[in-house]
Amino acid sequence: MARLQILELPMEHTDTPTLGEPASRTPFAIVIDQLDQQAAEALRARPEILSAFGTSCGARAVGVFEYTVDVG
């Protein structure tokens, strides 16, 4: 069974935040691991799907792995 994990990236600070925007934010990446090989290959064959998913979630990147990845 596949897992979905969030990997927090280093915090970014903004010197001049705009109205409604925070002065700092924590970007993140999405890690999907423990996929079977066929599912992982299918996702990698369609990078536009991963990109659209990441963009809609606000992620900087999406990684797909067959093996277990510990982001803790």
PDB file of N, CA and C in Angstrom:
ATOM      1  N   MET A   1       0.853  -1.173   0.000  1.00  0.00           N
ATOM      2  CA  MET A   1       0.000   0.000   0.000  1.00  0.00           C
ATOM      3  C   MET A   1       0.898   1.235   0.000  1.00  0.00           C
ATOM      4  N   ALA A   2       0.630   2.141  -0.879  1.00  0.00           N
ATOM      5  CA  ALA A   2       1.424   3.362  -1.012  1.00  0.00           C
ATOM      6  C   ALA A   2       1.211   4.300   0.183  1.00  0.00           C
ATOM      7  N   ARG A   3       2.229   5.105   0.449  1.00  0.00           N
ATOM      8  CA  ARG A   3       2.136   6.118   1.509  1.00  0.00           C
ATOM      9  C   ARG A   3       2.354   7.490   0.906  1.00  0.00           C
ATOM     10  N   LEU A   4       1.752   8.474   1.537  1.00  0.00           N
ATOM     11  CA  LEU A   4       1.930   9.876   1.156  1.00  0.00           C
ATOM     12  C   LEU A   4       2.529  10.584   2.355  1.00  0.00           C
ATOM     13  N   GLN A   5       3.694  11.239   2.161  1.00  0.00           N
ATOM     14  CA  GLN A   5       4.362  11.934   3.248  1.00  0.00           C
ATOM     15  C   GLN A   5       4.670  13.365   2.832  1.00  0.00           C
ATOM     16  N   ILE A   6       4.822  14.218   3.827  1.00  0.00           N
ATOM     17  CA  ILE A   6       5.184  15.608   3.604  1.00  0.00           C
ATOM     18  C   ILE A   6       6.597  15.828   4.144  1.00  0.00           C
ATOM     19  N   LEU A   7       7.452  16.385   3.302  1.00  0.00           N
ATOM     20  CA  LEU A   7       8.819  16.714   3.694  1.00  0.00           C
ATOM     21  C   LEU A   7       8.933  18.226   3.763  1.00  0.00           C
ATOM     22  N   GLU A   8       9.059  18.754   4.975  1.00  0.00           N
ATOM     23  CA  GLU A   8       9.211  20.204   5.128  1.00  0.00           C
ATOM     24  C   GLU A   8      10.606  20.622   4.692  1.00  0.00           C
ATOM     25  N   LEU A   9      10.667  21.671   3.915  1.00  0.00           N
ATOM     26  CA  LEU A   9      11.925  22.237   3.440  1.00  0.00           C
ATOM     27  C   LEU A   9      12.280  23.440   4.312  1.00  0.00           C
ATOM     28  N   PRO A  10      13.496  23.959   4.232  1.00  0.00           N
ATOM     29  CA  PRO A  10      13.885  25.098   5.075  1.00  0.00           C
ATOM     30  C   PRO A  10      12.950  26.299   4.899  1.00  0.00           C
ATOM     31  N   MET A  11      12.650  26.942   6.021  1.00  0.00           N
ATOM     32  CA  MET A  11      11.748  28.095   6.027  1.00  0.00           C
ATOM     33  C   MET A  11      12.327  29.236   5.200  1.00  0.00           C
ATOM     34  N   GLU A  12      11.425  29.933   4.524  1.00  0.00           N
ATOM     35  CA  GLU A  12      11.807  31.096   3.727  1.00  0.00           C
ATOM     36  C   GLU A  12      11.257  32.348   4.397  1.00  0.00           C
ATOM     37  N   HIS A  13      12.049  33.404   4.421  1.00  0.00           N
ATOM     38  CA  HIS A  13      11.628  34.676   5.007  1.00  0.00           C
ATOM     39  C   HIS A  13      11.508  35.719   3.902  1.00  0.00           C
ATOM     40  N   THR A  14      10.494  36.555   4.004  1.00  0.00           N
ATOM     41  CA  THR A  14      10.277  37.624   3.041  1.00  0.00           C
ATOM     42  C   THR A  14      10.524  38.952   3.733  1.00  0.00           C
ATOM     43  N   ASP A  15      11.382  39.777   3.154  1.00  0.00           N
ATOM     44  CA  ASP A  15      11.682  41.075   3.751  1.00  0.00           C
ATOM     45  C   ASP A  15      10.497  42.024   3.646  1.00  0.00           C
ATOM     46  N   THR A  16       9.789  41.965   2.546  1.00  0.00           N
ATOM     47  CA  THR A  16       8.655  42.864   2.336  1.00  0.00           C
ATOM     48  C   THR A  16       7.418  42.060   1.929  1.00  0.00           C
ATOM     49  N   PRO A  17       6.719  41.492   2.915  1.00  0.00           N
ATOM     50  CA  PRO A  17       5.534  40.706   2.576  1.00  0.00           C
ATOM     51  C   PRO A  17       4.425  41.602   2.010  1.00  0.00           C
ATOM     52  N   THR A  18       3.670  41.051   1.089  1.00  0.00           N
ATOM     53  CA  THR A  18       2.541  41.792   0.532  1.00  0.00           C
ATOM     54  C   THR A  18       1.318  41.578   1.406  1.00  0.00           C
ATOM     55  N   LEU A  19       0.322  42.378   1.217  1.00  0.00           N
ATOM     56  CA  LEU A  19      -0.898  42.300   2.005  1.00  0.00           C
ATOM     57  C   LEU A  19      -1.498  40.896   1.898  1.00  0.00           C
ATOM     58  N   GLY A  20      -1.745  40.289   3.030  1.00  0.00           N
ATOM     59  CA  GLY A  20      -2.322  38.955   3.058  1.00  0.00           C
ATOM     60  C   GLY A  20      -1.319  37.827   2.957  1.00  0.00           C
ATOM     61  N   GLU A  21      -0.076  38.136   2.730  1.00  0.00           N
ATOM     62  CA  GLU A  21       0.970  37.117   2.637  1.00  0.00           C
ATOM     63  C   GLU A  21       1.770  37.088   3.939  1.00  0.00           C
ATOM     64  N   PRO A  22       2.129  35.912   4.414  1.00  0.00           N
ATOM     65  CA  PRO A  22       2.935  35.833   5.636  1.00  0.00           C
ATOM     66  C   PRO A  22       4.368  36.304   5.401  1.00  0.00           C
ATOM     67  N   ALA A  23       5.035  36.736   6.472  1.00  0.00           N
ATOM     68  CA  ALA A  23       6.420  37.189   6.376  1.00  0.00           C
ATOM     69  C   ALA A  23       7.365  36.006   6.180  1.00  0.00           C
ATOM     70  N   SER A  24       6.933  34.811   6.557  1.00  0.00           N
ATOM     71  CA  SER A  24       7.739  33.612   6.343  1.00  0.00           C
ATOM     72  C   SER A  24       6.812  32.457   5.995  1.00  0.00           C
ATOM     73  N   ARG A  25       7.380  31.475   5.326  1.00  0.00           N
ATOM     74  CA  ARG A  25       6.597  30.299   4.961  1.00  0.00           C
ATOM     75  C   ARG A  25       7.500  29.086   4.953  1.00  0.00           C
ATOM     76  N   THR A  26       6.903  27.929   5.128  1.00  0.00           N
ATOM     77  CA  THR A  26       7.651  26.683   5.101  1.00  0.00           C
ATOM     78  C   THR A  26       7.256  25.904   3.855  1.00  0.00           C
ATOM     79  N   PRO A  27       8.098  25.912   2.840  1.00  0.00           N
ATOM     80  CA  PRO A  27       7.800  25.134   1.639  1.00  0.00           C
ATOM     81  C   PRO A  27       7.897  23.629   1.950  1.00  0.00           C
ATOM     82  N   PHE A  28       7.312  22.817   1.107  1.00  0.00           N
ATOM     83  CA  PHE A  28       7.322  21.382   1.343  1.00  0.00           C
ATOM     84  C   PHE A  28       7.342  20.615   0.028  1.00  0.00           C
ATOM     85  N   ALA A  29       7.732  19.355   0.152  1.00  0.00           N
ATOM     86  CA  ALA A  29       7.691  18.423  -0.970  1.00  0.00           C
ATOM     87  C   ALA A  29       6.802  17.258  -0.559  1.00  0.00           C
ATOM     88  N   ILE A  30       6.182  16.636  -1.527  1.00  0.00           N
ATOM     89  CA  ILE A  30       5.349  15.466  -1.282  1.00  0.00           C
ATOM     90  C   ILE A  30       6.136  14.235  -1.702  1.00  0.00           C
ATOM     91  N   VAL A  31       6.154  13.229  -0.831  1.00  0.00           N
ATOM     92  CA  VAL A  31       6.847  11.977  -1.106  1.00  0.00           C
ATOM     93  C   VAL A  31       5.807  10.857  -1.130  1.00  0.00           C
ATOM     94  N   ILE A  32       5.721  10.171  -2.251  1.00  0.00           N
ATOM     95  CA  ILE A  32       4.848   9.003  -2.375  1.00  0.00           C
ATOM     96  C   ILE A  32       5.767   7.799  -2.465  1.00  0.00           C
ATOM     97  N   ASP A  33       5.706   6.922  -1.461  1.00  0.00           N
ATOM     98  CA  ASP A  33       6.607   5.770  -1.465  1.00  0.00           C
ATOM     99  C   ASP A  33       5.817   4.475  -1.289  1.00  0.00           C
ATOM    100  N   GLN A  34       6.533   3.377  -1.321  1.00  0.00           N
ATOM    101  CA  GLN A  34       5.992   2.027  -1.206  1.00  0.00           C
ATOM    102  C   GLN A  34       4.995   1.703  -2.323  1.00  0.00           C
ATOM    103  N   LEU A  35       5.198   2.294  -3.490  1.00  0.00           N
ATOM    104  CA  LEU A  35       4.363   1.977  -4.650  1.00  0.00           C
ATOM    105  C   LEU A  35       4.863   0.704  -5.309  1.00  0.00           C
ATOM    106  N   ASP A  36       3.963  -0.033  -5.944  1.00  0.00           N
ATOM    107  CA  ASP A  36       4.447  -1.160  -6.729  1.00  0.00           C
ATOM    108  C   ASP A  36       5.105  -0.592  -7.991  1.00  0.00           C
ATOM    109  N   GLN A  37       5.953  -1.377  -8.595  1.00  0.00           N
ATOM    110  CA  GLN A  37       6.761  -0.891  -9.716  1.00  0.00           C
ATOM    111  C   GLN A  37       5.897  -0.388 -10.871  1.00  0.00           C
ATOM    112  N   GLN A  38       4.821  -1.062 -11.172  1.00  0.00           N
ATOM    113  CA  GLN A  38       3.961  -0.666 -12.285  1.00  0.00           C
ATOM    114  C   GLN A  38       3.339   0.706 -12.042  1.00  0.00           C
ATOM    115  N   ALA A  39       2.853   0.955 -10.829  1.00  0.00           N
ATOM    116  CA  ALA A  39       2.239   2.252 -10.509  1.00  0.00           C
ATOM    117  C   ALA A  39       3.284   3.365 -10.550  1.00  0.00           C
ATOM    118  N   ALA A  40       4.466   3.103 -10.008  1.00  0.00           N
ATOM    119  CA  ALA A  40       5.532   4.111 -10.011  1.00  0.00           C
ATOM    120  C   ALA A  40       5.942   4.462 -11.437  1.00  0.00           C
ATOM    121  N   GLU A  41       6.096   3.467 -12.276  1.00  0.00           N
ATOM    122  CA  GLU A  41       6.473   3.718 -13.669  1.00  0.00           C
ATOM    123  C   GLU A  41       5.388   4.483 -14.414  1.00  0.00           C
ATOM    124  N   ALA A  42       4.120   4.167 -14.121  1.00  0.00           N
ATOM    125  CA  ALA A  42       3.009   4.873 -14.770  1.00  0.00           C
ATOM    126  C   ALA A  42       3.006   6.346 -14.381  1.00  0.00           C
ATOM    127  N   LEU A  43       3.262   6.645 -13.116  1.00  0.00           N
ATOM    128  CA  LEU A  43       3.312   8.045 -12.673  1.00  0.00           C
ATOM    129  C   LEU A  43       4.508   8.772 -13.273  1.00  0.00           C
ATOM    130  N   ARG A  44       5.648   8.112 -13.305  1.00  0.00           N
ATOM    131  CA  ARG A  44       6.841   8.749 -13.871  1.00  0.00           C
ATOM    132  C   ARG A  44       6.698   8.982 -15.376  1.00  0.00           C
ATOM    133  N   ALA A  45       5.896   8.161 -16.026  1.00  0.00           N
ATOM    134  CA  ALA A  45       5.694   8.323 -17.466  1.00  0.00           C
ATOM    135  C   ALA A  45       4.824   9.535 -17.787  1.00  0.00           C
ATOM    136  N   ARG A  46       4.117  10.054 -16.785  1.00  0.00           N
ATOM    137  CA  ARG A  46       3.232  11.214 -16.973  1.00  0.00           C
ATOM    138  C   ARG A  46       3.611  12.316 -15.984  1.00  0.00           C
ATOM    139  N   PRO A  47       4.778  12.941 -16.147  1.00  0.00           N
ATOM    140  CA  PRO A  47       5.230  13.943 -15.182  1.00  0.00           C
ATOM    141  C   PRO A  47       4.273  15.129 -15.062  1.00  0.00           C
ATOM    142  N   GLU A  48       3.461  15.390 -16.085  1.00  0.00           N
ATOM    143  CA  GLU A  48       2.503  16.497 -16.003  1.00  0.00           C
ATOM    144  C   GLU A  48       1.449  16.234 -14.929  1.00  0.00           C
ATOM    145  N   ILE A  49       1.131  14.967 -14.685  1.00  0.00           N
ATOM    146  CA  ILE A  49       0.171  14.638 -13.622  1.00  0.00           C
ATOM    147  C   ILE A  49       0.783  14.949 -12.264  1.00  0.00           C
ATOM    148  N   LEU A  50       2.021  14.525 -12.054  1.00  0.00           N
ATOM    149  CA  LEU A  50       2.697  14.807 -10.778  1.00  0.00           C
ATOM    150  C   LEU A  50       2.872  16.305 -10.583  1.00  0.00           C
ATOM    151  N   SER A  51       3.229  17.005 -11.633  1.00  0.00           N
ATOM    152  CA  SER A  51       3.410  18.450 -11.540  1.00  0.00           C
ATOM    153  C   SER A  51       2.102  19.149 -11.188  1.00  0.00           C
ATOM    154  N   ALA A  52       1.017  18.757 -11.844  1.00  0.00           N
ATOM    155  CA  ALA A  52      -0.291  19.362 -11.563  1.00  0.00           C
ATOM    156  C   ALA A  52      -0.733  19.062 -10.133  1.00  0.00           C
ATOM    157  N   PHE A  53      -0.499  17.840  -9.678  1.00  0.00           N
ATOM    158  CA  PHE A  53      -0.846  17.468  -8.304  1.00  0.00           C
ATOM    159  C   PHE A  53      -0.057  18.313  -7.311  1.00  0.00           C
ATOM    160  N   GLY A  54       1.248  18.408  -7.522  1.00  0.00           N
ATOM    161  CA  GLY A  54       2.085  19.203  -6.631  1.00  0.00           C
ATOM    162  C   GLY A  54       1.694  20.667  -6.624  1.00  0.00           C
ATOM    163  N   THR A  55       1.437  21.223  -7.785  1.00  0.00           N
ATOM    164  CA  THR A  55       1.039  22.624  -7.885  1.00  0.00           C
ATOM    165  C   THR A  55      -0.287  22.876  -7.167  1.00  0.00           C
ATOM    166  N   SER A  56      -1.244  21.981  -7.352  1.00  0.00           N
ATOM    167  CA  SER A  56      -2.552  22.170  -6.710  1.00  0.00           C
ATOM    168  C   SER A  56      -2.465  22.076  -5.190  1.00  0.00           C
ATOM    169  N   CYS A  57      -1.465  21.344  -4.696  1.00  0.00           N
ATOM    170  CA  CYS A  57      -1.277  21.229  -3.240  1.00  0.00           C
ATOM    171  C   CYS A  57      -0.352  22.308  -2.689  1.00  0.00           C
ATOM    172  N   GLY A  58       0.350  23.026  -3.560  1.00  0.00           N
ATOM    173  CA  GLY A  58       1.297  24.036  -3.122  1.00  0.00           C
ATOM    174  C   GLY A  58       2.683  23.486  -2.840  1.00  0.00           C
ATOM    175  N   ALA A  59       2.948  22.258  -3.284  1.00  0.00           N
ATOM    176  CA  ALA A  59       4.242  21.624  -3.038  1.00  0.00           C
ATOM    177  C   ALA A  59       5.289  22.110  -4.029  1.00  0.00           C
ATOM    178  N   ARG A  60       6.536  22.113  -3.600  1.00  0.00           N
ATOM    179  CA  ARG A  60       7.657  22.456  -4.481  1.00  0.00           C
ATOM    180  C   ARG A  60       8.013  21.309  -5.407  1.00  0.00           C
ATOM    181  N   ALA A  61       7.804  20.063  -4.940  1.00  0.00           N
ATOM    182  CA  ALA A  61       8.170  18.891  -5.732  1.00  0.00           C
ATOM    183  C   ALA A  61       7.349  17.697  -5.268  1.00  0.00           C
ATOM    184  N   VAL A  62       7.288  16.688  -6.123  1.00  0.00           N
ATOM    185  CA  VAL A  62       6.644  15.419  -5.790  1.00  0.00           C
ATOM    186  C   VAL A  62       7.612  14.313  -6.173  1.00  0.00           C
ATOM    187  N   GLY A  63       7.919  13.444  -5.210  1.00  0.00           N
ATOM    188  CA  GLY A  63       8.800  12.309  -5.471  1.00  0.00           C
ATOM    189  C   GLY A  63       8.029  11.013  -5.409  1.00  0.00           C
ATOM    190  N   VAL A  64       8.335  10.090  -6.307  1.00  0.00           N
ATOM    191  CA  VAL A  64       7.658   8.793  -6.375  1.00  0.00           C
ATOM    192  C   VAL A  64       8.719   7.700  -6.255  1.00  0.00           C
ATOM    193  N   PHE A  65       8.509   6.763  -5.305  1.00  0.00           N
ATOM    194  CA  PHE A  65       9.499   5.730  -5.026  1.00  0.00           C
ATOM    195  C   PHE A  65       8.820   4.384  -4.811  1.00  0.00           C
ATOM    196  N   GLU A  66       9.467   3.332  -5.275  1.00  0.00           N
ATOM    197  CA  GLU A  66       8.974   1.981  -5.025  1.00  0.00           C
ATOM    198  C   GLU A  66       9.326   1.523  -3.607  1.00  0.00           C
ATOM    199  N   TYR A  67      10.421   1.994  -3.092  1.00  0.00           N
ATOM    200  CA  TYR A  67      10.907   1.576  -1.781  1.00  0.00           C
ATOM    201  C   TYR A  67      10.456   2.566  -0.704  1.00  0.00           C
ATOM    202  N   THR A  68      10.749   2.230   0.546  1.00  0.00           N
ATOM    203  CA  THR A  68      10.363   3.072   1.678  1.00  0.00           C
ATOM    204  C   THR A  68      11.354   4.230   1.826  1.00  0.00           C
ATOM    205  N   VAL A  69      10.815   5.434   1.957  1.00  0.00           N
ATOM    206  CA  VAL A  69      11.626   6.633   2.166  1.00  0.00           C
ATOM    207  C   VAL A  69      11.223   7.224   3.506  1.00  0.00           C
ATOM    208  N   ASP A  70      12.187   7.403   4.414  1.00  0.00           N
ATOM    209  CA  ASP A  70      11.914   7.968   5.730  1.00  0.00           C
ATOM    210  C   ASP A  70      12.213   9.462   5.681  1.00  0.00           C
ATOM    211  N   VAL A  71      11.179  10.296   5.763  1.00  0.00           N
ATOM    212  CA  VAL A  71      11.391  11.736   5.716  1.00  0.00           C
ATOM    213  C   VAL A  71      11.420  12.349   7.108  1.00  0.00           C
ATOM    214  N   GLY A  72      11.249  11.538   8.137  1.00  0.00           N
ATOM    215  CA  GLY A  72      11.160  11.994   9.512  1.00  0.00           C
ATOM    216  C   GLY A  72      12.399  12.611   9.997  1.00  0.00           C
TER     217      GLY A  72
END
